[in-house]
Amino acid sequence: MIKGIIFDLDGTLLDSMTVWSSIDCEFLIENGITDPPPEVSDVVKKMTVDESSQYFIDRFGLKCTKEYVIWRIEDMVRERYEKQIPLKPHVTELLDALDSRGVPYGIATATYKRLAEAALRRCGVYERFRFLLTDVEYPAGKNFPDIFIGGAERFGAAPEEVLVVEDSLHCIETAKAAGFTVCGVYDSVAEADKSRIIELSDYYVNNIGEIIDIV
């Protein structure tokens, strides 16, 4: 029996993954890297904010502090989170259905906490989530299971009683290894990993509204 759901944010609840792919390149170009390598977004998406900022400095020899990188990238995407990025289709309908069944849910994300909160408030759903966990509370990020375990504890549930909904392979690998029930959800940015995501996941859906048939 599923006693709670932990949702990822970007690519799962928010239609925002392409924003991050473009911002990484825009930031590097702004700092003199005229031809950013195409794989850079795939590399940093597996990192925390702190790790990715240091990676940019080390990999590209940037003459700035890690604190500046963190601030500047957050500033570059702030307006999009505050004014533009939409929920993915069927999110509101799914939350309505979960509420009607008494299934609690929260969010675990690697996104800047202030941006995540701003987007969710604008979309009118922030107050519906039991929690919003980020690397502020769990600095190790999603390469370690602590953030998922913290969510399960907030439900008073064991990992196998919690459904983790993710679009990214490395997050699915982490949750699955920690004993969680996992649902992979399609996002075009993760197309290259789709077959492996399906292989690892207990469930796989093409749109998030299909999750109501699982719980």
Protein backbone atom coordinates (compact mmCIF):
# COMPACT_ATOMS: atom_id res chain seq x y z
CA MET A 1 0.00 0.00 0.00
CA ILE A 2 1.33 3.44 -0.94
CA LYS A 3 1.34 5.71 2.14
CA GLY A 4 2.84 8.77 0.46
CA ILE A 5 4.34 10.10 -2.77
CA ILE A 6 7.60 12.02 -3.21
CA PHE A 7 7.59 13.99 -6.44
CA ASP A 8 10.58 15.39 -8.27
CA LEU A 9 9.99 18.96 -9.45
CA ASP A 10 11.75 19.85 -12.72
CA GLY A 11 10.66 17.63 -15.59
CA THR A 12 8.08 15.90 -13.39
CA LEU A 13 5.76 18.57 -11.97
CA LEU A 14 7.19 21.60 -13.82
CA ASP A 15 7.86 21.80 -17.54
CA SER A 16 11.29 23.31 -16.92
CA MET A 17 14.09 20.99 -18.01
CA THR A 18 14.82 22.80 -21.27
CA VAL A 19 15.27 26.00 -19.26
CA TRP A 20 18.22 24.48 -17.42
CA SER A 21 19.82 23.17 -20.60
CA SER A 22 19.81 26.65 -22.11
CA ILE A 23 20.84 28.47 -18.93
CA ASP A 24 24.00 26.39 -18.49
CA CYS A 25 25.18 27.40 -21.94
CA GLU A 26 24.07 31.02 -21.54
CA PHE A 27 26.02 31.33 -18.31
CA LEU A 28 29.19 29.89 -19.83
CA ILE A 29 28.96 32.12 -22.91
CA GLU A 30 28.47 35.13 -20.64
CA ASN A 31 31.72 34.16 -18.93
CA GLY A 32 33.78 33.81 -22.10
CA ILE A 33 33.24 30.15 -22.99
CA THR A 34 32.12 30.76 -26.56
CA ASP A 35 31.49 27.12 -27.51
CA PRO A 36 30.15 25.26 -24.43
CA PRO A 37 30.32 21.45 -24.77
CA PRO A 38 26.88 19.98 -25.50
CA GLU A 39 27.14 17.44 -22.70
CA VAL A 40 27.59 19.99 -19.92
CA SER A 41 23.93 20.00 -18.88
CA ASP A 42 23.87 16.20 -18.65
CA VAL A 43 26.87 16.38 -16.33
CA VAL A 44 25.63 19.07 -13.95
CA LYS A 45 22.04 17.81 -13.70
CA LYS A 46 23.38 15.04 -11.46
CA MET A 47 24.96 17.55 -9.07
CA THR A 48 23.78 19.77 -6.25
CA VAL A 49 23.79 23.53 -6.74
CA ASP A 50 27.02 23.75 -4.76
CA GLU A 51 28.70 20.98 -6.75
CA SER A 52 27.67 22.28 -10.17
CA SER A 53 28.90 25.78 -9.36
CA GLN A 54 32.32 24.48 -8.37
CA TYR A 55 32.36 22.27 -11.46
CA PHE A 56 31.90 25.27 -13.75
CA ILE A 57 34.83 27.02 -12.08
CA ASP A 58 37.14 23.99 -12.19
CA ARG A 59 36.22 22.69 -15.64
CA PHE A 60 36.26 26.03 -17.45
CA GLY A 61 38.78 27.98 -15.36
CA LEU A 62 36.32 30.74 -14.48
CA LYS A 63 37.74 33.68 -12.57
CA CYS A 64 34.90 34.03 -10.09
CA THR A 65 33.80 32.60 -6.77
CA LYS A 66 31.45 29.69 -6.27
CA GLU A 67 29.08 32.06 -4.47
CA TYR A 68 28.94 34.26 -7.57
CA VAL A 69 28.13 31.31 -9.83
CA ILE A 70 25.33 30.20 -7.50
CA TRP A 71 23.89 33.71 -7.33
CA ARG A 72 24.20 34.45 -11.06
CA ILE A 73 22.56 31.26 -12.31
CA GLU A 74 19.72 31.65 -9.82
CA ASP A 75 19.29 35.25 -10.98
CA MET A 76 19.24 34.19 -14.66
CA VAL A 77 16.40 31.71 -14.15
CA ARG A 78 14.44 33.59 -11.47
CA GLU A 79 12.09 35.42 -13.81
CA ARG A 80 11.19 32.21 -15.63
CA TYR A 81 10.28 30.48 -12.38
CA GLU A 82 8.43 33.50 -11.04
CA LYS A 83 6.50 34.31 -14.23
CA GLN A 84 6.69 31.71 -16.99
CA ILE A 85 7.34 28.02 -16.29
CA PRO A 86 4.05 26.06 -16.27
CA LEU A 87 2.98 22.91 -14.51
CA LYS A 88 3.16 19.86 -16.70
CA PRO A 89 -0.20 18.63 -18.04
CA HIS A 90 -2.52 16.80 -15.60
CA VAL A 91 -0.67 17.82 -12.40
CA THR A 92 -3.65 19.59 -10.85
CA GLU A 93 -6.01 16.75 -11.72
CA LEU A 94 -3.63 14.25 -10.14
CA LEU A 95 -3.34 16.26 -6.93
CA ASP A 96 -7.13 16.52 -6.76
CA ALA A 97 -7.41 12.76 -7.10
CA LEU A 98 -4.76 12.12 -4.46
CA ASP A 99 -6.49 14.48 -2.05
CA SER A 100 -9.78 12.71 -2.60
CA ARG A 101 -8.11 9.41 -1.69
CA GLY A 102 -6.25 10.82 1.30
CA VAL A 103 -2.78 10.13 -0.14
CA PRO A 104 -0.21 12.68 1.13
CA TYR A 105 2.55 13.98 -1.11
CA GLY A 106 5.67 16.13 -1.03
CA ILE A 107 8.56 17.26 -3.20
CA ALA A 108 12.29 16.46 -3.25
CA THR A 109 14.25 18.60 -5.69
CA ALA A 110 17.77 19.76 -6.56
CA THR A 111 16.40 23.14 -7.66
CA TYR A 112 17.08 26.36 -5.75
CA LYS A 113 14.53 26.38 -2.92
CA ARG A 114 13.37 29.98 -3.51
CA LEU A 115 12.78 29.32 -7.21
CA ALA A 116 10.88 26.11 -6.53
CA GLU A 117 8.66 27.82 -3.99
CA ALA A 118 8.05 30.81 -6.27
CA ALA A 119 6.93 28.64 -9.19
CA LEU A 120 4.68 26.46 -7.05
CA ARG A 121 3.05 29.48 -5.41
CA ARG A 122 2.44 31.13 -8.79
CA CYS A 123 0.86 27.92 -10.07
CA GLY A 124 -1.38 27.81 -6.99
CA VAL A 125 -0.24 24.44 -5.63
CA TYR A 126 2.49 25.18 -3.07
CA GLU A 127 0.27 24.81 0.00
CA ARG A 128 -0.95 21.42 -1.15
CA PHE A 129 2.40 19.68 -0.62
CA ARG A 130 3.33 18.24 2.75
CA PHE A 131 6.97 19.33 2.29
CA LEU A 132 9.48 20.81 -0.14
CA LEU A 133 12.92 19.27 0.41
CA THR A 134 16.04 20.61 -1.32
CA ASP A 135 19.81 20.53 -0.87
CA VAL A 136 19.31 23.20 1.79
CA GLU A 137 18.09 20.41 4.08
CA TYR A 138 20.02 17.60 2.36
CA PRO A 139 23.33 18.90 0.96
CA ALA A 140 24.31 15.53 -0.52
CA GLY A 141 21.57 15.85 -3.14
CA LYS A 142 19.93 12.97 -4.94
CA ASN A 143 23.05 10.91 -5.51
CA PHE A 144 22.45 9.77 -1.93
CA PRO A 145 19.13 8.53 -0.51
CA ASP A 146 18.96 10.85 2.51
CA ILE A 147 16.52 13.28 0.88
CA PHE A 148 14.12 10.45 -0.02
CA ILE A 149 14.46 8.85 3.41
CA GLY A 150 13.71 12.23 4.97
CA GLY A 151 10.52 12.43 2.93
CA ALA A 152 9.46 8.93 3.96
CA GLU A 153 10.02 9.81 7.62
CA ARG A 154 7.71 12.80 7.23
CA PHE A 155 4.99 10.38 6.08
CA GLY A 156 5.78 7.98 8.91
CA ALA A 157 6.34 5.30 6.27
CA ALA A 158 8.99 2.79 5.25
CA PRO A 159 10.72 3.30 1.87
CA GLU A 160 8.80 0.49 0.20
CA GLU A 161 5.54 2.20 1.23
CA VAL A 162 6.50 5.44 -0.54
CA LEU A 163 6.23 6.05 -4.28
CA VAL A 164 9.08 8.18 -5.68
CA VAL A 165 8.15 9.85 -8.98
CA GLU A 166 11.17 10.91 -11.06
CA ASP A 167 12.17 11.66 -14.64
CA SER A 168 15.98 11.44 -14.17
CA LEU A 169 17.86 8.15 -14.29
CA HIS A 170 20.39 8.90 -11.55
CA CYS A 171 17.60 9.82 -9.11
CA ILE A 172 15.69 6.66 -9.95
CA GLU A 173 18.84 4.62 -9.36
CA THR A 174 19.29 6.22 -5.93
CA ALA A 175 15.69 5.74 -4.81
CA LYS A 176 15.47 2.18 -6.10
CA ALA A 177 18.71 1.16 -4.37
CA ALA A 178 17.30 2.53 -1.10
CA GLY A 179 14.22 0.31 -1.34
CA PHE A 180 11.63 2.81 -2.54
CA THR A 181 8.85 2.01 -4.96
CA VAL A 182 9.68 4.03 -8.07
CA CYS A 183 7.64 5.47 -10.91
CA GLY A 184 9.52 6.82 -13.91
CA VAL A 185 7.78 9.61 -15.81
CA TYR A 186 8.56 10.63 -19.36
CA ASP A 187 10.33 13.89 -20.13
CA SER A 188 11.85 14.61 -23.52
CA VAL A 189 15.17 15.74 -22.01
CA ALA A 190 15.69 12.21 -20.62
CA GLU A 191 14.86 10.46 -23.91
CA ALA A 192 18.32 8.87 -24.14
CA ASP A 193 17.81 7.18 -20.75
CA LYS A 194 14.24 6.05 -21.33
CA SER A 195 14.90 2.33 -21.80
CA ARG A 196 17.03 2.12 -18.66
CA ILE A 197 14.49 4.15 -16.67
CA ILE A 198 11.73 1.74 -17.71
CA GLU A 199 13.93 -1.23 -16.80
CA LEU A 200 14.63 0.05 -13.28
CA SER A 201 11.24 1.50 -12.41
CA ASP A 202 8.38 -0.39 -10.80
CA TYR A 203 6.03 1.71 -12.94
CA TYR A 204 6.47 4.01 -15.92
CA VAL A 205 4.04 6.64 -17.19
CA ASN A 206 4.04 8.88 -20.25
CA ASN A 207 2.20 11.64 -18.40
CA ILE A 208 1.87 12.27 -14.70
CA GLY A 209 -1.91 11.94 -14.71
CA GLU A 210 -1.53 8.16 -15.22
CA ILE A 211 -0.17 7.83 -11.68
CA ILE A 212 -3.69 7.82 -10.27
CA ASP A 213 -4.06 4.29 -11.65
CA ILE A 214 -1.09 3.19 -9.53
CA VAL A 215 -2.10 4.33 -6.03
